[in-house]
Protein backbone atom coordinates (compact mmCIF):
# COMPACT_ATOMS: atom_id res chain seq x y z
CA MET A 1 80.04 -64.30 -64.77
CA THR A 2 83.00 -63.07 -64.30
CA LYS A 3 84.36 -62.27 -60.61
CA VAL A 4 86.05 -59.23 -60.03
CA ILE A 5 88.88 -59.33 -56.67
CA CYS A 6 90.90 -56.81 -55.21
CA PHE A 7 93.98 -57.74 -53.25
CA ALA A 8 94.41 -54.56 -50.49
CA ASN A 9 96.08 -53.20 -47.54
CA ASN A 10 97.30 -49.72 -46.86
CA LYS A 11 100.49 -51.40 -45.01
CA GLY A 12 103.33 -51.86 -47.17
CA GLY A 13 104.89 -54.94 -47.64
CA SER A 14 102.57 -57.18 -46.61
CA GLY A 15 103.19 -59.68 -49.63
CA LYS A 16 99.99 -58.52 -51.82
CA SER A 17 102.08 -58.28 -54.81
CA THR A 18 102.97 -61.13 -54.52
CA THR A 19 100.05 -62.60 -53.64
CA CYS A 20 97.98 -61.23 -56.31
CA SER A 21 100.58 -62.60 -59.04
CA ASN A 22 100.23 -66.90 -57.44
CA VAL A 23 97.19 -66.54 -56.52
CA GLY A 24 96.38 -65.71 -60.55
CA TYR A 25 98.36 -67.46 -62.00
CA GLY A 26 97.54 -70.74 -59.52
CA LEU A 27 93.97 -69.84 -60.24
CA THR A 28 95.02 -70.96 -64.41
CA LEU A 29 96.47 -74.32 -63.16
CA LEU A 30 92.65 -74.48 -62.04
CA GLY A 31 91.19 -74.04 -65.36
CA LYS A 32 90.27 -70.93 -65.11
CA LYS A 33 90.67 -67.40 -67.17
CA VAL A 34 92.24 -64.72 -65.91
CA LEU A 35 92.88 -60.84 -66.30
CA LEU A 36 95.78 -59.16 -64.01
CA ILE A 37 95.15 -55.14 -63.45
CA ASP A 38 98.76 -54.00 -61.29
CA GLY A 39 96.51 -50.91 -60.07
CA ASP A 40 100.36 -49.24 -58.03
CA MET A 41 102.34 -47.60 -58.87
CA GLN A 42 105.39 -49.52 -57.63
CA LEU A 43 104.73 -51.98 -60.60
CA ASN A 44 105.14 -55.23 -59.02
CA LEU A 45 102.41 -57.67 -60.18
CA SER A 46 104.11 -56.48 -63.90
CA LEU A 47 107.64 -57.22 -62.56
CA SER A 48 105.43 -60.75 -62.06
CA PHE A 49 105.30 -62.07 -65.15
CA PHE A 50 108.11 -59.14 -67.40
CA LEU A 51 111.59 -58.64 -67.29
CA GLU A 52 112.31 -55.04 -65.92
CA ASP A 53 113.26 -53.47 -69.30
CA GLN A 54 109.97 -54.90 -70.93
CA VAL A 55 107.42 -53.32 -67.59
CA LEU A 56 109.25 -50.23 -68.39
CA GLU A 57 108.89 -49.49 -71.74
CA LEU A 58 105.52 -50.59 -71.14
CA ALA A 59 105.19 -47.57 -68.34
CA LYS A 60 106.56 -45.35 -70.08
CA SER A 61 104.30 -46.07 -73.33
CA ASP A 62 100.39 -45.06 -73.15
CA LYS A 63 99.05 -48.62 -72.92
CA ASN A 64 99.23 -49.06 -68.86
CA LEU A 65 96.00 -48.21 -66.68
CA TYR A 66 97.66 -45.00 -66.27
CA TYR A 67 96.46 -43.46 -69.66
CA ALA A 68 93.05 -45.74 -69.65
CA ILE A 69 91.75 -44.25 -65.91
CA LYS A 70 93.11 -40.88 -67.71
CA ASN A 71 91.59 -40.32 -70.49
CA GLN A 72 88.30 -43.15 -69.60
CA LYS A 73 88.90 -45.62 -72.38
CA ASP A 74 87.86 -49.28 -72.38
CA LEU A 75 90.32 -51.86 -71.03
CA SER A 76 90.16 -53.90 -73.44
CA ASP A 77 92.46 -52.20 -75.95
CA TYR A 78 94.99 -52.12 -72.80
CA ILE A 79 95.67 -55.69 -72.66
CA ILE A 80 98.91 -57.77 -72.11
CA HIS A 81 99.56 -61.87 -73.24
CA THR A 82 101.85 -62.76 -70.65
CA GLU A 83 104.05 -66.23 -71.60
CA PHE A 84 101.05 -68.45 -69.97
CA GLU A 85 97.54 -69.53 -71.05
CA ASN A 86 94.68 -67.97 -69.73
CA LEU A 87 96.78 -65.69 -68.01
CA ASP A 88 96.64 -61.21 -69.23
CA LEU A 89 97.96 -58.22 -68.06
CA ILE A 90 96.68 -54.83 -67.95
CA PRO A 91 100.33 -53.16 -66.49
CA SER A 92 101.00 -50.46 -64.73
CA SER A 93 102.55 -46.48 -64.80
CA THR A 94 104.66 -44.91 -62.01
CA LEU A 95 102.94 -41.46 -63.17
CA MET A 96 100.15 -43.55 -61.64
CA SER A 97 101.11 -41.79 -58.75
CA SER A 98 99.39 -38.89 -60.24
CA ILE A 99 96.39 -40.55 -60.12
CA GLU A 100 94.70 -39.41 -57.65
CA TYR A 101 95.35 -36.05 -59.13
CA GLU A 102 93.83 -36.86 -62.31
CA LEU A 103 90.65 -38.23 -60.71
CA PHE A 104 89.37 -35.62 -58.58
CA THR A 105 87.61 -33.63 -61.54
CA LYS A 106 85.88 -36.47 -62.52
CA TRP A 107 82.06 -36.84 -62.28
CA GLN A 108 81.70 -39.96 -60.81
CA ARG A 109 84.62 -40.20 -59.93
CA GLU A 110 84.49 -43.80 -57.19
CA PHE A 111 83.87 -45.42 -60.64
CA ILE A 112 85.75 -44.52 -63.40
CA LEU A 113 87.46 -47.86 -62.71
CA LYS A 114 84.34 -50.40 -62.82
CA LYS A 115 83.43 -48.14 -66.45
CA CYS A 116 86.71 -48.54 -68.02
CA LEU A 117 86.04 -52.20 -67.28
CA HIS A 118 82.33 -52.79 -67.95
CA LYS A 119 82.83 -53.84 -71.64
CA ILE A 120 85.27 -56.89 -70.12
CA ARG A 121 83.38 -58.02 -67.20
CA GLU A 122 80.30 -58.37 -69.73
CA SER A 123 81.97 -60.39 -72.09
CA GLY A 124 82.65 -62.64 -70.15
CA GLU A 125 85.86 -63.85 -71.14
CA TYR A 126 87.82 -63.85 -68.26
CA ASP A 127 86.40 -66.20 -64.77
CA TYR A 128 88.34 -63.73 -62.57
CA ILE A 129 89.72 -60.35 -62.90
CA LEU A 130 91.94 -59.56 -60.35
CA ILE A 131 93.47 -56.33 -59.25
CA ASP A 132 96.60 -55.44 -57.21
CA ALA A 133 95.49 -51.85 -55.12
CA PRO A 134 98.51 -49.81 -53.50
CA PRO A 135 99.41 -49.54 -50.31
CA THR A 136 97.30 -46.53 -50.01
CA LEU A 137 93.29 -45.40 -48.33
CA GLY A 138 92.34 -42.80 -51.12
CA GLY A 139 90.73 -42.49 -54.08
CA TRP A 140 91.95 -44.56 -56.39
CA VAL A 141 92.12 -47.41 -53.20
CA MET A 142 88.24 -46.15 -53.02
CA ASN A 143 87.50 -46.81 -57.09
CA ILE A 144 89.73 -50.17 -57.48
CA LEU A 145 86.91 -51.53 -54.43
CA CYS A 146 83.56 -50.17 -56.32
CA ALA A 147 85.42 -52.04 -59.39
CA SER A 148 85.13 -55.08 -56.96
CA ASP A 149 83.17 -57.88 -55.55
CA GLN A 150 85.08 -58.84 -53.19
CA VAL A 151 88.20 -58.59 -51.25
CA ILE A 152 91.16 -60.45 -50.31
CA VAL A 153 93.20 -58.41 -47.49
CA PRO A 154 97.13 -60.05 -47.33
CA VAL A 155 98.76 -59.16 -43.69
CA GLU A 156 102.12 -59.74 -42.71
CA ALA A 157 102.84 -62.28 -40.00
CA SER A 158 105.27 -59.83 -37.67
CA PRO A 159 104.29 -57.44 -34.56
CA TRP A 160 104.07 -53.98 -37.34
CA GLY A 161 101.58 -56.81 -39.68
CA LEU A 162 98.42 -55.64 -37.74
CA PHE A 163 99.13 -51.84 -37.70
CA GLY A 164 96.14 -50.19 -39.33
CA LEU A 165 94.34 -52.82 -40.30
CA ALA A 166 91.34 -51.35 -38.78
CA ASN A 167 91.99 -48.38 -40.68
CA MET A 168 91.33 -51.26 -43.88
CA PHE A 169 88.46 -53.15 -42.56
CA GLU A 170 86.71 -49.35 -42.13
CA PHE A 171 87.91 -47.89 -45.01
CA ILE A 172 86.41 -51.09 -46.56
CA ASN A 173 82.74 -50.64 -44.59
CA GLU A 174 82.46 -46.69 -45.33
CA VAL A 175 83.30 -48.27 -49.51
CA LYS A 176 80.21 -50.33 -49.16
CA GLN A 177 77.63 -47.19 -47.78
CA ILE A 178 78.09 -46.37 -52.47
CA THR A 179 79.14 -49.99 -53.27
CA PRO A 180 76.47 -52.69 -50.99
CA ASP A 181 77.57 -55.65 -53.07
CA LEU A 182 80.82 -55.31 -52.08
CA SER A 183 82.36 -57.81 -49.70
CA LEU A 184 85.06 -58.73 -47.66
CA MET A 185 86.49 -62.58 -48.86
CA GLY A 186 89.17 -62.72 -46.07
CA VAL A 187 92.78 -62.45 -44.71
CA ALA A 188 94.88 -63.93 -46.10
CA ILE A 189 98.31 -64.24 -43.85
CA THR A 190 101.75 -63.68 -45.16
CA LYS A 191 105.55 -64.34 -44.05
CA VAL A 192 104.83 -65.69 -42.02
CA ASP A 193 107.98 -68.03 -39.29
CA GLU A 194 106.18 -70.64 -37.46
CA ARG A 195 109.23 -70.12 -34.80
CA LYS A 196 107.87 -66.84 -33.97
CA ASN A 197 105.22 -66.55 -31.41
CA TYR A 198 103.72 -63.45 -34.05
CA PHE A 199 102.14 -65.45 -36.34
CA LYS A 200 100.00 -67.25 -33.54
CA GLN A 201 99.66 -63.59 -32.16
CA THR A 202 98.40 -63.15 -35.56
CA ILE A 203 95.92 -65.73 -35.89
CA GLN A 204 94.61 -65.21 -32.32
CA THR A 205 93.94 -61.06 -32.79
CA LEU A 206 92.22 -61.71 -36.52
CA SER A 207 90.32 -64.74 -34.67
CA GLU A 208 88.82 -62.11 -32.49
CA VAL A 209 87.90 -60.08 -35.44
CA ASP A 210 83.54 -60.52 -35.99
CA ASP A 211 82.66 -60.83 -40.02
CA VAL A 212 86.48 -61.68 -40.85
CA TYR A 213 86.92 -65.24 -42.62
CA LEU A 214 90.37 -66.38 -41.75
CA PHE A 215 92.18 -68.32 -45.35
CA GLU A 216 93.32 -72.01 -43.84
CA SER A 217 95.78 -71.57 -45.98
CA TYR A 218 99.01 -69.27 -44.81
CA ILE A 219 102.09 -68.21 -46.81
CA ARG A 220 105.45 -68.90 -44.35
CA ILE A 221 109.05 -67.31 -44.99
CA ASP A 222 110.21 -68.97 -48.20
CA SER A 223 113.95 -68.19 -50.25
CA SER A 224 111.87 -69.13 -53.10
CA ILE A 225 109.99 -66.81 -53.28
CA GLU A 226 112.90 -63.69 -53.63
CA TRP A 227 114.48 -65.83 -56.43
CA ALA A 228 111.45 -66.39 -58.23
CA GLN A 229 110.83 -62.83 -58.01
CA ASP A 230 114.16 -62.24 -58.87
CA ASN A 231 113.72 -64.48 -62.42
CA SER A 232 110.18 -61.98 -63.34
CA LYS A 233 107.72 -65.75 -62.52
CA THR A 234 105.35 -66.34 -59.27
CA VAL A 235 107.02 -68.81 -56.95
CA ILE A 236 104.60 -71.11 -58.88
CA ALA A 237 105.63 -70.71 -61.85
CA TYR A 238 109.95 -70.56 -60.92
CA LYS A 239 109.87 -74.05 -58.80
CA LYS A 240 106.41 -75.29 -58.31
CA ASN A 241 107.46 -78.23 -56.05
CA SER A 242 108.96 -75.71 -54.27
CA ARG A 243 106.98 -75.64 -50.37
CA SER A 244 105.91 -71.85 -51.19
CA ALA A 245 104.62 -72.82 -54.45
CA LYS A 246 102.52 -75.38 -52.40
CA GLU A 247 101.26 -72.72 -50.46
CA TYR A 248 99.39 -70.49 -52.90
CA MET A 249 97.67 -72.96 -54.98
CA ALA A 250 96.50 -74.60 -51.77
CA LEU A 251 95.04 -70.32 -51.06
CA ALA A 252 94.30 -70.18 -54.91
CA LYS A 253 92.29 -73.42 -54.32
CA GLU A 254 90.66 -71.77 -51.54
CA VAL A 255 89.43 -68.36 -53.45
CA GLU A 256 88.11 -70.31 -55.50
CA GLU A 257 86.05 -72.24 -53.30
CA ARG A 258 84.86 -69.53 -51.42
CA GLY A 259 84.45 -67.61 -54.94
CA ASN A 260 81.73 -69.87 -55.96
CA ARG A 261 79.54 -69.92 -52.67
């Protein structure tokens, strides 16, 4: 069965889009077919696979997530292929900034994305659908959570990395009231500098939170990630032997193992 996993954190700069794109690409290297959905107006997930000009062109067209959700269309017609085998994408648009307004008057607005994904999910064409959520808490993120089976929360290992995380967990629990099958797969720690105490403090704090799995694979700071982003690629595709590429592959394997439980 197709598994839907969203990457969400209400704090910006957590490495959410980078983690989503690399885990998605990593899963294809494990023999899985993956559909990525860019749910953020910042377009970072789309920019991980297409050049800026291409992304902006898609964002201005009517073949992106905004128009699909606005018109409650089946998302099958909005899929574009990346250059990588078994990896497809539904691009975002800067117009997603007004998606909350578009959802406000809709009936059962919390489940619009789930309905738009129904045909794709039922087809079983993809092993995984990964959704990159924007760094907010509101109706659109609730939509994403309601369409998902599990949530991965990337957390930056910094003094402010944990700020607001309790709100994220509380929001997930609130959504579970209307979508009981939703579960928190785990927390992935990113932007780690082992020379600093922030990493140890992050580990200790998260270890004390009940019922929260902490992924063993964490992502250290690596300039290869920035170079990969500058070249509109995942770091695994850009420099597969880099430290961060190996760490993201390890995380993808861990996601695959936990997804099969």
